[in-house]
């Protein structure tokens, strides 16, 4: 009797285990969740636009429009081609720091002329080159600068007259100045000048040198 009970219990245990196993297999395995979509990496923000560098200012103020003298050569232009006054002497050069050689038979005299047109006449050495037909003047004094101040120095003016050697327009010419250090914004040991047309209007200005042979100036560094 005892053996039957034991066998029956064992049978029941086996049966229960079998049912439990079948139920486990019958269950649908839990779906594996698809991994969460990897978020696309945040777009790299475009770097902020680089600001264009500050533009370099043209040429130093040494070459700016505030450099140099204010010169209106009209009073010298009026004298080009007029006969020298009685008693004029002979000269073979004109100028001091700014100097130009002339033929030995050139006429020279001194008079008061407002060479720069600022309303004040300066004692001026005038030379008429009758060979090349150019009138030149040289004076020292106080002149008006482009920046509104004044400066002391030497101003040389040359005006082409009718029949001049190079066929230049009558009344055209140049002026060039040698100023004390730092005055009128001029660099040290440099000449500053302008070429002008028949009406006295400047056409080009800047640091200059004198072309002795052609009685003209060469602009070495043009004004900006």
Protein backbone atom coordinates (compact mmCIF):
# COMPACT_ATOMS: atom_id res chain seq x y z
CA UNK A 1 0.00 0.00 0.00
CA UNK A 2 2.76 2.35 0.92
CA UNK A 3 4.56 1.68 -2.36
CA UNK A 4 1.43 2.58 -4.35
CA UNK A 5 1.12 5.93 -2.62
CA UNK A 6 4.72 6.74 -3.23
CA UNK A 7 4.44 5.81 -6.87
CA UNK A 8 1.28 7.87 -7.23
CA UNK A 9 2.98 10.91 -5.68
CA UNK A 10 5.95 10.55 -8.00
CA UNK A 11 3.61 10.34 -10.97
CA UNK A 12 1.84 13.50 -9.89
CA UNK A 13 5.14 15.36 -9.50
CA UNK A 14 6.28 14.29 -12.97
CA UNK A 15 2.93 15.32 -14.42
CA UNK A 16 3.04 18.75 -12.80
CA UNK A 17 6.59 19.30 -13.99
CA UNK A 18 5.59 18.34 -17.52
CA UNK A 19 2.65 20.76 -17.49
CA UNK A 20 4.83 23.56 -16.19
CA UNK A 21 7.36 22.97 -18.94
CA UNK A 22 4.73 22.96 -21.68
CA UNK A 23 3.25 26.23 -20.40
CA UNK A 24 6.69 27.85 -20.43
CA UNK A 25 7.19 26.82 -24.06
CA UNK A 26 3.72 28.02 -24.99
CA UNK A 27 4.40 31.53 -23.81
CA UNK A 28 5.52 33.91 -26.60
CA UNK A 29 8.96 35.14 -25.78
CA UNK A 30 8.98 38.75 -24.93
CA UNK A 31 9.96 40.71 -27.90
CA UNK A 32 13.32 42.25 -27.53
CA UNK A 33 12.83 45.89 -27.76
CA UNK A 34 14.67 47.33 -30.61
CA UNK A 35 17.35 49.47 -29.27
CA UNK A 36 16.31 53.02 -29.16
CA UNK A 37 17.29 54.73 -32.30
CA UNK A 38 20.52 56.45 -31.87
CA UNK A 39 19.81 60.09 -32.17
CA UNK A 40 21.58 61.64 -35.01
CA UNK A 41 24.38 63.66 -33.60
CA UNK A 42 23.42 67.24 -33.25
CA UNK A 43 24.46 69.11 -36.29
CA UNK A 44 27.68 70.90 -35.71
CA UNK A 45 26.85 74.50 -35.64
CA UNK A 46 28.56 76.32 -38.40
CA UNK A 47 31.21 78.49 -36.91
CA UNK A 48 30.22 82.07 -36.67
CA UNK A 49 31.30 83.96 -39.70
CA UNK A 50 34.70 85.42 -39.19
CA UNK A 51 34.47 89.16 -39.38
CA UNK A 52 36.47 90.64 -42.12
CA UNK A 53 39.62 92.17 -40.70
CA UNK A 54 39.68 95.88 -40.30
CA UNK A 55 40.96 97.36 -43.49
CA UNK A 56 44.45 98.68 -43.31
CA UNK A 57 44.48 102.42 -43.70
CA UNK A 58 46.15 103.61 -46.82
CA UNK A 59 49.52 105.02 -46.49
CA UNK A 60 50.60 106.67 -43.39
CA UNK A 61 49.42 110.13 -42.60
CA UNK A 62 52.69 111.35 -44.00
CA UNK A 63 51.12 110.82 -47.40
CA UNK A 64 47.56 111.85 -46.53
CA UNK A 65 45.57 114.78 -47.88
CA UNK A 66 46.40 116.79 -44.73
CA UNK A 67 50.11 116.79 -45.57
CA UNK A 68 51.92 119.69 -47.21
CA UNK A 69 51.14 123.32 -47.94
CA UNK A 70 48.19 125.20 -49.33
CA UNK A 71 49.59 126.91 -52.39
CA UNK A 72 47.81 129.06 -54.95
CA UNK A 73 50.50 130.03 -57.49
CA UNK A 74 48.33 132.54 -59.39
CA UNK A 75 50.48 135.58 -58.51
CA UNK A 76 53.58 133.87 -59.88
CA UNK A 77 51.68 132.67 -62.95
CA UNK A 78 50.76 136.25 -63.80
CA UNK A 79 54.42 137.20 -64.06
CA UNK A 80 55.42 134.40 -66.44
CA UNK A 81 56.51 135.92 -69.74
CA UNK A 82 56.41 139.54 -68.56
CA UNK A 83 59.58 141.56 -69.18
CA UNK A 84 62.08 141.68 -66.30
CA UNK A 85 62.13 145.04 -64.50
CA UNK A 86 64.83 147.58 -65.31
CA UNK A 87 68.01 146.97 -63.37
CA UNK A 88 67.55 143.19 -63.14
CA UNK A 89 70.82 141.39 -62.54
CA UNK A 90 72.09 138.15 -64.06
CA UNK A 91 72.03 134.80 -62.32
CA UNK A 92 72.86 131.17 -63.06
CA UNK A 93 70.74 129.59 -60.33
CA UNK A 94 67.77 130.21 -58.08
CA UNK A 95 66.91 128.88 -54.64
CA UNK A 96 68.69 127.78 -51.49
CA UNK A 97 67.66 124.42 -50.02
CA UNK A 98 65.55 124.06 -53.15
CA UNK A 99 67.82 125.11 -55.99
CA UNK A 100 67.66 124.99 -59.79
CA UNK A 101 70.48 125.87 -62.18
CA UNK A 102 69.68 128.33 -64.98
CA UNK A 103 71.55 129.66 -68.02
CA UNK A 104 74.14 132.28 -67.08
CA UNK A 105 72.22 135.07 -68.84
CA UNK A 106 69.03 134.56 -66.77
CA UNK A 107 67.50 137.72 -65.30
CA UNK A 108 67.12 137.96 -61.54
CA UNK A 109 65.36 140.46 -59.26
CA UNK A 110 63.64 140.68 -55.87
CA UNK A 111 60.07 141.79 -55.19
CA UNK A 112 57.17 141.25 -52.83
CA UNK A 113 54.85 138.49 -54.10
CA UNK A 114 52.13 136.48 -52.41
CA UNK A 115 53.67 133.27 -53.73
CA UNK A 116 51.30 130.86 -51.98
CA UNK A 117 48.09 132.89 -52.20
CA UNK A 118 47.51 133.14 -48.44
CA UNK A 119 47.10 136.92 -48.55
CA UNK A 120 50.58 137.78 -47.29
CA UNK A 121 53.35 138.83 -49.64
CA UNK A 122 56.82 137.38 -49.15
CA UNK A 123 60.13 138.84 -50.26
CA UNK A 124 60.77 136.74 -53.31
CA UNK A 125 63.78 136.12 -55.51
CA UNK A 126 62.53 135.87 -59.09
CA UNK A 127 64.52 134.48 -62.01
CA UNK A 128 63.47 134.55 -65.66
CA UNK A 129 65.09 131.86 -67.79
CA UNK A 130 64.76 133.45 -71.24
CA UNK A 131 66.37 130.44 -72.91
CA UNK A 132 63.90 127.79 -71.73
CA UNK A 133 61.08 130.30 -71.15
CA UNK A 134 60.43 129.44 -67.50
CA UNK A 135 59.80 131.87 -64.64
CA UNK A 136 60.98 130.74 -61.21
CA UNK A 137 60.51 132.20 -57.76
CA UNK A 138 62.01 131.33 -54.40
CA UNK A 139 61.00 132.66 -51.01
CA UNK A 140 61.33 131.87 -47.34
CA UNK A 141 58.68 132.58 -44.74
CA UNK A 142 55.65 131.29 -42.88
CA UNK A 143 53.20 129.32 -45.00
CA UNK A 144 49.76 127.82 -44.42
CA UNK A 145 49.64 124.03 -44.08
CA UNK A 146 46.91 121.75 -45.40
CA UNK A 147 45.99 120.82 -41.82
CA UNK A 148 45.26 124.44 -40.94
CA UNK A 149 48.44 125.16 -39.01
CA UNK A 150 51.40 127.17 -40.27
CA UNK A 151 55.00 126.23 -40.89
CA UNK A 152 58.27 127.92 -41.71
CA UNK A 153 60.35 126.96 -44.71
CA UNK A 154 61.26 127.64 -48.30
CA UNK A 155 58.86 127.60 -51.25
CA UNK A 156 60.02 127.31 -54.87
CA UNK A 157 57.60 127.90 -57.76
CA UNK A 158 58.25 127.40 -61.50
CA UNK A 159 55.84 128.47 -64.27
CA UNK A 160 56.08 127.60 -67.97
CA UNK A 161 55.71 130.59 -70.28
CA UNK A 162 54.77 130.78 -73.95
CA UNK A 163 57.36 129.15 -76.22
CA UNK A 164 58.85 127.04 -73.43
CA UNK A 165 61.34 124.38 -74.50
CA UNK A 166 59.04 121.44 -73.73
CA UNK A 167 55.83 122.75 -75.25
CA UNK A 168 54.05 122.62 -71.91
CA UNK A 169 50.76 124.50 -71.42
CA UNK A 170 51.35 128.17 -70.64
CA UNK A 171 50.84 128.77 -66.94
CA UNK A 172 51.41 125.17 -65.90
CA UNK A 173 54.31 124.31 -63.65
CA UNK A 174 55.18 123.05 -60.20
CA UNK A 175 55.95 124.14 -56.69
CA UNK A 176 58.12 122.40 -54.11
CA UNK A 177 58.72 123.15 -50.44
CA UNK A 178 61.45 122.46 -47.94
CA UNK A 179 59.96 122.86 -44.47
CA UNK A 180 61.46 122.75 -41.00
CA UNK A 181 61.37 119.30 -39.39
CA UNK A 182 57.86 118.00 -38.76
CA UNK A 183 56.05 121.12 -39.97
CA UNK A 184 53.00 120.71 -42.20
CA UNK A 185 53.30 116.96 -41.65
CA UNK A 186 56.32 116.68 -43.92
CA UNK A 187 58.92 113.97 -43.32
CA UNK A 188 62.39 115.07 -42.28
CA UNK A 189 64.87 115.92 -45.05
CA UNK A 190 62.24 115.52 -47.76
CA UNK A 191 60.92 117.91 -50.39
CA UNK A 192 57.17 118.09 -50.88
CA UNK A 193 55.59 119.49 -53.99
CA UNK A 194 52.79 119.56 -56.53
CA UNK A 195 52.52 119.83 -60.28
CA UNK A 196 49.76 122.22 -61.37
CA UNK A 197 47.87 122.92 -64.59
CA UNK A 198 47.45 126.18 -66.50
CA UNK A 199 44.74 127.25 -64.02
CA UNK A 200 46.96 126.63 -61.01
CA UNK A 201 45.07 123.52 -59.93
CA UNK A 202 47.27 120.73 -58.48
CA UNK A 203 47.36 117.60 -60.61
CA UNK A 204 49.63 115.40 -58.48
CA UNK A 205 51.40 115.95 -55.17
CA UNK A 206 53.78 114.12 -52.88
CA UNK A 207 57.35 113.65 -51.80
CA UNK A 208 59.35 114.99 -54.72
CA UNK A 209 62.76 115.56 -56.24
CA UNK A 210 63.75 118.18 -58.79
CA UNK A 211 64.54 117.22 -62.38
CA UNK A 212 67.18 119.84 -63.09
CA UNK A 213 67.54 119.08 -66.78
CA UNK A 214 63.84 119.41 -67.56
CA UNK A 215 63.00 122.05 -64.95
CA UNK A 216 60.31 119.87 -63.47
CA UNK A 217 59.73 117.70 -60.40
CA UNK A 218 59.45 113.95 -60.07
CA UNK A 219 56.86 112.73 -57.57
CA UNK A 220 58.56 109.96 -55.62
CA UNK A 221 55.68 109.05 -53.31
CA UNK A 222 52.27 110.22 -54.47
CA UNK A 223 49.76 111.65 -52.02
CA UNK A 224 46.79 109.40 -51.21
